[in-house]
Protein backbone atom coordinates (compact mmCIF):
# COMPACT_ATOMS: atom_id res chain seq x y z
CA UNK A 1 -10.10 -28.36 14.78
CA UNK A 2 -12.80 -26.42 12.94
CA UNK A 3 -12.32 -26.04 9.20
CA UNK A 4 -13.01 -22.61 7.72
CA UNK A 5 -13.07 -20.75 4.42
CA UNK A 6 -11.20 -17.51 3.84
CA UNK A 7 -13.04 -15.33 1.32
CA UNK A 8 -10.40 -13.07 -0.20
CA UNK A 9 -11.22 -9.65 -1.58
CA UNK A 10 -10.77 -10.28 -5.29
CA UNK A 11 -12.64 -7.28 -6.75
CA UNK A 12 -15.22 -8.69 -9.19
CA UNK A 13 -13.67 -12.18 -9.10
CA UNK A 14 -13.27 -15.32 -6.98
CA UNK A 15 -10.43 -16.28 -4.63
CA UNK A 16 -10.86 -18.63 -1.67
CA UNK A 17 -8.62 -20.44 0.79
CA UNK A 18 -10.06 -23.45 2.62
CA UNK A 19 -8.30 -24.36 5.86
CA UNK A 20 -9.34 -28.00 5.87
CA UNK A 21 -9.19 -30.39 8.79
CA UNK A 22 -10.01 -34.09 8.68
CA UNK A 23 -9.24 -35.81 11.95
CA UNK A 24 -5.58 -35.15 12.72
CA UNK A 25 -4.79 -34.12 9.14
CA UNK A 26 -4.74 -30.56 7.84
CA UNK A 27 -4.57 -29.05 4.37
CA UNK A 28 -4.66 -25.73 2.54
CA UNK A 29 -6.95 -25.65 -0.51
CA UNK A 30 -6.91 -22.63 -2.83
CA UNK A 31 -9.83 -22.15 -5.21
CA UNK A 32 -9.23 -19.51 -7.92
CA UNK A 33 -7.12 -16.37 -7.71
CA UNK A 34 -9.13 -13.34 -8.79
CA UNK A 35 -8.50 -10.82 -11.60
CA UNK A 36 -5.49 -8.65 -12.37
CA UNK A 37 -6.74 -5.83 -10.13
CA UNK A 38 -6.37 -8.01 -7.01
CA UNK A 39 -3.47 -10.25 -8.05
CA UNK A 40 -0.85 -8.59 -5.83
CA UNK A 41 -2.94 -8.92 -2.66
CA UNK A 42 -4.01 -12.47 -3.54
CA UNK A 43 -0.43 -13.49 -4.35
CA UNK A 44 0.76 -12.01 -1.05
CA UNK A 45 -1.82 -14.09 0.80
CA UNK A 46 -0.98 -17.31 -1.02
CA UNK A 47 2.74 -16.76 -0.51
CA UNK A 48 2.15 -16.58 3.26
CA UNK A 49 1.56 -20.34 3.27
CA UNK A 50 4.57 -22.61 3.49
CA UNK A 51 2.77 -25.11 1.29
CA UNK A 52 -0.52 -25.27 -0.62
CA UNK A 53 -1.86 -28.81 -0.65
CA UNK A 54 -4.38 -28.35 -3.46
CA UNK A 55 -4.92 -25.51 -5.90
CA UNK A 56 -8.09 -25.57 -8.04
CA UNK A 57 -8.40 -23.29 -11.03
CA UNK A 58 -12.07 -23.62 -11.95
CA UNK A 59 -11.81 -22.11 -15.46
CA UNK A 60 -9.82 -19.52 -17.35
CA UNK A 61 -11.98 -16.38 -17.21
CA UNK A 62 -9.75 -13.44 -16.27
CA UNK A 63 -11.49 -12.83 -12.94
CA UNK A 64 -10.39 -16.26 -11.68
CA UNK A 65 -6.82 -16.76 -12.93
CA UNK A 66 -4.55 -13.77 -12.35
CA UNK A 67 -3.57 -14.29 -8.71
CA UNK A 68 -2.77 -17.94 -9.34
CA UNK A 69 -0.82 -17.08 -12.48
CA UNK A 70 1.26 -14.56 -10.53
CA UNK A 71 1.84 -16.98 -7.64
CA UNK A 72 2.98 -19.81 -9.92
CA UNK A 73 5.35 -17.50 -11.80
CA UNK A 74 6.86 -16.16 -8.58
CA UNK A 75 7.63 -19.59 -7.13
CA UNK A 76 8.88 -21.48 -10.17
CA UNK A 77 12.51 -21.42 -9.11
CA UNK A 78 11.87 -22.42 -5.51
CA UNK A 79 13.95 -25.41 -4.52
CA UNK A 80 10.72 -27.17 -3.59
CA UNK A 81 7.62 -26.05 -5.51
CA UNK A 82 5.12 -24.93 -2.81
CA UNK A 83 2.05 -26.61 -4.34
CA UNK A 84 1.50 -30.36 -4.00
CA UNK A 85 -1.43 -30.75 -6.39
CA UNK A 86 -3.14 -28.61 -9.05
CA UNK A 87 -6.50 -29.15 -10.71
CA UNK A 88 -6.62 -27.11 -13.90
CA UNK A 89 -8.47 -28.49 -16.91
CA UNK A 90 -7.92 -25.16 -18.64
CA UNK A 91 -4.13 -24.83 -18.28
CA UNK A 92 -3.44 -25.16 -22.02
CA UNK A 93 -5.56 -22.07 -22.63
CA UNK A 94 -3.83 -19.79 -20.10
CA UNK A 95 -0.83 -17.81 -21.27
CA UNK A 96 1.81 -17.13 -18.66
CA UNK A 97 4.49 -14.50 -18.56
CA UNK A 98 7.96 -15.94 -18.09
CA UNK A 99 10.28 -13.19 -16.97
CA UNK A 100 14.07 -13.19 -17.13
CA UNK A 101 14.28 -14.64 -13.62
CA UNK A 102 12.70 -17.97 -14.57
CA UNK A 103 14.40 -20.95 -16.10
CA UNK A 104 11.77 -22.09 -18.61
CA UNK A 105 11.84 -19.14 -20.99
CA UNK A 106 10.22 -21.17 -23.75
CA UNK A 107 7.09 -21.84 -21.74
CA UNK A 108 4.04 -20.09 -23.13
CA UNK A 109 1.06 -21.52 -21.24
CA UNK A 110 0.30 -22.64 -17.72
CA UNK A 111 0.28 -26.21 -19.04
CA UNK A 112 3.91 -25.83 -20.14
CA UNK A 113 4.79 -24.50 -16.71
CA UNK A 114 3.05 -27.33 -14.87
CA UNK A 115 4.74 -29.93 -17.08
CA UNK A 116 8.08 -28.31 -16.25
CA UNK A 117 7.24 -28.42 -12.55
CA UNK A 118 6.36 -32.12 -12.80
CA UNK A 119 9.77 -32.87 -14.30
CA UNK A 120 11.59 -31.05 -11.54
CA UNK A 121 9.44 -31.96 -8.52
CA UNK A 122 8.89 -35.61 -7.75
CA UNK A 123 5.40 -36.15 -6.35
CA UNK A 124 3.82 -33.01 -7.81
CA UNK A 125 0.45 -33.80 -9.38
CA UNK A 126 -1.39 -31.85 -12.08
CA UNK A 127 -4.87 -33.05 -12.99
CA UNK A 128 -6.33 -31.91 -16.29
CA UNK A 129 -9.09 -34.54 -16.33
CA UNK A 130 -11.37 -33.26 -13.56
CA UNK A 131 -14.94 -34.16 -14.57
CA UNK A 132 -18.24 -34.87 -12.85
CA UNK A 133 -18.70 -38.13 -10.98
CA UNK A 134 -15.21 -38.28 -9.49
CA UNK A 135 -14.66 -38.73 -5.76
CA UNK A 136 -11.30 -37.55 -4.45
CA UNK A 137 -10.68 -38.78 -0.91
CA UNK A 138 -7.75 -36.70 0.28
CA UNK A 139 -6.08 -36.86 3.68
CA UNK A 140 -7.58 -33.52 4.69
CA UNK A 141 -10.89 -33.41 2.76
CA UNK A 142 -13.31 -35.35 0.59
CA UNK A 143 -14.27 -33.75 -2.73
CA UNK A 144 -16.95 -34.83 -5.18
CA UNK A 145 -16.86 -33.25 -8.64
CA UNK A 146 -20.28 -32.22 -9.98
CA UNK A 147 -19.07 -30.42 -13.09
CA UNK A 148 -18.07 -30.18 -15.86
CA UNK A 149 -19.32 -33.15 -17.86
CA UNK A 150 -17.01 -35.18 -20.08
CA UNK A 151 -18.94 -33.92 -23.10
CA UNK A 152 -18.33 -30.28 -22.20
CA UNK A 153 -14.68 -31.06 -21.56
CA UNK A 154 -14.33 -32.57 -25.03
CA UNK A 155 -15.84 -29.49 -26.63
CA UNK A 156 -13.43 -27.28 -24.72
CA UNK A 157 -10.48 -29.31 -25.99
CA UNK A 158 -11.26 -28.00 -29.46
CA UNK A 159 -9.58 -24.79 -30.50
CA UNK A 160 -11.94 -21.83 -30.27
CA UNK A 161 -11.75 -18.14 -29.50
CA UNK A 162 -13.11 -17.26 -26.05
CA UNK A 163 -12.60 -13.65 -25.07
CA UNK A 164 -13.56 -12.62 -21.55
CA UNK A 165 -16.32 -10.33 -22.78
CA UNK A 166 -19.37 -9.84 -20.64
CA UNK A 167 -22.36 -11.85 -21.70
CA UNK A 168 -25.67 -10.10 -22.29
CA UNK A 169 -27.06 -11.86 -19.22
CA UNK A 170 -24.71 -9.75 -17.06
CA UNK A 171 -25.96 -6.38 -18.29
CA UNK A 172 -27.55 -4.32 -15.54
CA UNK A 173 -31.31 -4.50 -15.14
CA UNK A 174 -33.12 -1.90 -13.07
CA UNK A 175 -34.73 -4.38 -10.70
CA UNK A 176 -34.70 -2.17 -7.60
CA UNK A 177 -38.41 -1.41 -7.77
CA UNK A 178 -39.55 -4.77 -9.10
CA UNK A 179 -41.28 -7.16 -6.73
CA UNK A 180 -39.31 -10.21 -5.68
CA UNK A 181 -42.26 -12.47 -6.52
CA UNK A 182 -42.10 -11.44 -10.16
CA UNK A 183 -38.33 -11.58 -10.41
CA UNK A 184 -38.30 -15.14 -9.04
CA UNK A 185 -40.49 -16.28 -11.96
CA UNK A 186 -38.35 -14.77 -14.71
CA UNK A 187 -37.17 -16.97 -17.55
CA UNK A 188 -33.51 -18.00 -17.36
CA UNK A 189 -31.34 -17.98 -20.47
CA UNK A 190 -30.17 -21.51 -21.26
CA UNK A 191 -26.46 -21.73 -22.03
CA UNK A 192 -25.31 -22.76 -25.48
CA UNK A 193 -22.11 -24.63 -26.30
CA UNK A 194 -21.91 -22.55 -29.49
CA UNK A 195 -21.45 -19.41 -27.38
CA UNK A 196 -17.76 -19.27 -26.33
CA UNK A 197 -18.49 -17.29 -23.16
CA UNK A 198 -21.19 -19.78 -22.12
CA UNK A 199 -18.91 -22.72 -22.91
CA UNK A 200 -16.09 -21.39 -20.74
CA UNK A 201 -18.47 -21.07 -17.78
CA UNK A 202 -20.08 -24.45 -18.48
CA UNK A 203 -16.56 -25.91 -18.24
CA UNK A 204 -16.10 -24.63 -14.66
CA UNK A 205 -14.94 -27.15 -12.11
CA UNK A 206 -17.77 -27.33 -9.56
CA UNK A 207 -17.31 -29.35 -6.38
CA UNK A 208 -18.85 -30.57 -3.16
CA UNK A 209 -16.20 -30.23 -0.44
CA UNK A 210 -16.43 -31.99 2.90
CA UNK A 211 -14.05 -31.57 5.81
CA UNK A 212 -14.46 -31.37 9.58
CA UNK A 213 -17.23 -28.85 10.32
CA UNK A 214 -17.88 -27.73 6.74
CA UNK A 215 -19.86 -29.15 3.86
CA UNK A 216 -19.81 -26.68 0.97
CA UNK A 217 -20.63 -26.30 -2.70
CA UNK A 218 -18.19 -24.26 -4.79
CA UNK A 219 -19.90 -23.63 -8.11
CA UNK A 220 -17.35 -21.56 -10.04
CA UNK A 221 -19.24 -19.89 -12.88
CA UNK A 222 -21.20 -22.95 -13.94
CA UNK A 223 -24.85 -23.15 -15.01
CA UNK A 224 -27.47 -25.17 -13.07
CA UNK A 225 -28.29 -27.41 -16.04
CA UNK A 226 -24.66 -28.56 -16.27
CA UNK A 227 -24.54 -29.87 -12.68
CA UNK A 228 -28.18 -30.94 -12.27
CA UNK A 229 -27.70 -34.68 -12.81
CA UNK A 230 -24.82 -35.11 -10.38
CA UNK A 231 -26.35 -32.73 -7.88
CA UNK A 232 -29.44 -34.93 -7.95
CA UNK A 233 -27.30 -38.00 -7.27
CA UNK A 234 -25.96 -36.34 -4.14
CA UNK A 235 -29.40 -35.09 -3.09
CA UNK A 236 -31.02 -38.49 -3.61
CA UNK A 237 -28.32 -40.11 -1.48
CA UNK A 238 -29.51 -37.90 1.40
CA UNK A 239 -33.23 -38.43 0.92
CA UNK A 240 -33.89 -35.83 -1.77
CA UNK A 241 -32.06 -32.77 -0.44
CA UNK A 242 -28.37 -32.13 -0.09
CA UNK A 243 -27.75 -30.61 3.36
CA UNK A 244 -25.00 -27.99 3.22
CA UNK A 245 -23.38 -25.44 5.48
CA UNK A 246 -22.70 -22.99 2.66
CA UNK A 247 -22.91 -22.52 -1.11
CA UNK A 248 -20.55 -20.31 -3.09
CA UNK A 249 -23.02 -18.92 -5.61
CA UNK A 250 -22.15 -19.35 -9.25
CA UNK A 251 -20.92 -16.42 -11.34
CA UNK A 252 -21.02 -13.90 -8.48
CA UNK A 253 -24.80 -14.13 -8.13
CA UNK A 254 -25.69 -13.67 -11.79
CA UNK A 255 -29.38 -14.22 -12.45
CA UNK A 256 -28.89 -16.90 -15.11
CA UNK A 257 -26.58 -19.05 -12.97
CA UNK A 258 -29.18 -19.98 -10.36
CA UNK A 259 -32.51 -21.76 -10.76
CA UNK A 260 -35.40 -22.92 -8.61
CA UNK A 261 -34.80 -26.48 -9.84
CA UNK A 262 -31.27 -26.42 -8.47
CA UNK A 263 -32.28 -24.79 -5.19
CA UNK A 264 -35.01 -27.35 -4.63
CA UNK A 265 -32.26 -29.97 -4.28
CA UNK A 266 -30.40 -28.00 -1.61
CA UNK A 267 -30.93 -27.62 2.12
CA UNK A 268 -28.79 -24.59 2.86
CA UNK A 269 -29.21 -21.24 4.59
CA UNK A 270 -25.86 -19.57 3.77
CA UNK A 271 -24.89 -18.32 0.32
CA UNK A 272 -21.58 -16.61 -0.46
CA UNK A 273 -21.45 -13.98 -3.20
CA UNK A 274 -17.91 -12.97 -4.15
CA UNK A 275 -17.89 -9.57 -5.87
CA UNK A 276 -17.44 -5.84 -5.34
CA UNK A 277 -20.40 -5.17 -7.64
CA UNK A 278 -18.80 -5.95 -10.97
CA UNK A 279 -16.76 -4.22 -13.63
CA UNK A 280 -17.46 -2.80 -17.07
CA UNK A 281 -20.81 -4.14 -18.27
CA UNK A 282 -20.89 -6.67 -15.45
CA UNK A 283 -23.26 -6.02 -12.52
CA UNK A 284 -23.29 -8.58 -9.70
CA UNK A 285 -25.10 -9.81 -7.73
CA UNK A 286 -28.48 -9.50 -9.40
CA UNK A 287 -31.55 -8.84 -7.25
CA UNK A 288 -33.28 -11.55 -9.28
CA UNK A 289 -30.88 -14.22 -8.01
CA UNK A 290 -31.67 -13.21 -4.42
CA UNK A 291 -35.37 -13.44 -5.28
CA UNK A 292 -34.75 -17.01 -6.40
CA UNK A 293 -33.07 -17.83 -3.09
CA UNK A 294 -35.88 -16.35 -1.02
CA UNK A 295 -38.88 -17.54 -3.03
CA UNK A 296 -38.08 -20.95 -4.40
CA UNK A 297 -41.11 -23.13 -3.69
CA UNK A 298 -39.68 -25.51 -1.09
CA UNK A 299 -37.94 -22.96 1.09
CA UNK A 300 -39.06 -22.68 4.71
CA UNK A 301 -39.30 -19.02 5.70
CA UNK A 302 -39.10 -20.02 9.37
CA UNK A 303 -35.32 -20.31 9.02
CA UNK A 304 -33.25 -17.21 8.32
CA UNK A 305 -31.40 -17.19 5.01
CA UNK A 306 -28.03 -15.42 4.96
CA UNK A 307 -26.46 -13.87 1.86
CA UNK A 308 -22.77 -13.36 2.64
CA UNK A 309 -20.98 -10.59 0.74
CA UNK A 310 -17.21 -10.02 0.85
CA UNK A 311 -17.42 -6.27 0.12
CA UNK A 312 -19.29 -3.45 1.85
CA UNK A 313 -22.98 -3.15 1.06
CA UNK A 314 -22.73 0.51 0.09
CA UNK A 315 -19.99 -0.24 -2.44
CA UNK A 316 -22.02 -3.03 -4.04
CA UNK A 317 -25.37 -1.22 -4.03
CA UNK A 318 -23.84 1.98 -5.39
CA UNK A 319 -23.16 -0.06 -8.51
CA UNK A 320 -26.01 -2.56 -8.77
CA UNK A 321 -28.83 -0.78 -6.94
CA UNK A 322 -30.84 -1.93 -3.93
CA UNK A 323 -30.63 -5.67 -3.29
CA UNK A 324 -33.25 -5.88 -0.55
CA UNK A 325 -35.25 -3.32 1.37
CA UNK A 326 -35.55 -3.49 5.16
CA UNK A 327 -39.17 -4.58 4.75
CA UNK A 328 -38.21 -7.38 2.35
CA UNK A 329 -35.54 -8.67 4.73
CA UNK A 330 -38.13 -8.90 7.48
CA UNK A 331 -40.86 -10.34 5.26
CA UNK A 332 -38.68 -13.08 3.80
CA UNK A 333 -36.50 -13.68 6.88
CA UNK A 334 -33.24 -12.82 5.16
CA UNK A 335 -30.04 -11.12 6.26
CA UNK A 336 -27.47 -9.55 3.94
CA UNK A 337 -24.16 -9.77 5.82
CA UNK A 338 -21.48 -7.67 4.17
CA UNK A 339 -17.69 -7.25 4.30
CA UNK A 340 -17.06 -10.80 5.54
CA UNK A 341 -13.66 -12.43 5.25
CA UNK A 342 -14.35 -15.97 6.35
CA UNK A 343 -16.95 -18.67 6.91
CA UNK A 344 -18.11 -19.71 9.45
CA UNK A 345 -18.43 -16.11 10.58
């Protein structure tokens, strides 16, 4: 069977379902659950599965957690909890609403909930120690963790205030009339562990996922410098470039979450951007990030590069401005494919 990725409409957030096949074994992998605006639709989708084999919550920004939070709350009193394994380093930082219909009324965070589930469901596994360098060879997929580092994890264990405010790097730039060549050379802001918003994104779980027919990077909201060392390990093991079928771009295509150095280690022609254009002061994807994809030094323009968008182009461009002109698509051999719901197409 051919594995495939469902790309759920999660407004300005991330929500993915991987239908993974490995030989005769199958598994459902959920990666993030979108923001509050899409939680009902995401929860409906997740509840359509009899069982979720692995649920990965990359980090606790609001645009990644709400659908999962709602799903977990809804299924707490099921006779058999419908998730076999959860990866959530950030569970202690996520508050959860326990309504009158649930049994653990004293629970206050997702960590409390998952501990309660462990007590009542033999075999349920919650990992809160997911860090770079780990290989997880599951029956239905192989997953290598490329982020976060142990050092970042330790910093995130400390108590700090991390509101989900938009970072200055997300603020809209009028790049519509700027040449791609210039945008591709722009300086990238380096993340700082002293900035709570940066630290939350640096703590994203980022993975290489391999199953029958798909080899994919899911980058959460991480920064290139955080995953560079372990990405290089993977690239070096394949002769200097990591050959991939698809990359889920970090932070919805934000300009500071992609770099030429990172792209030089990848051999990939398909890049997923999950967003409806952003919300508030957030504007994604940035034309600059597409410039980086098209113009990084080692890219061969003989092969078409596909940017895969899960919302309609007009909806996205009405908010962020023109991503590519018709002439630029032809010149740089690129296709923007919008309103997709799964990969492979």
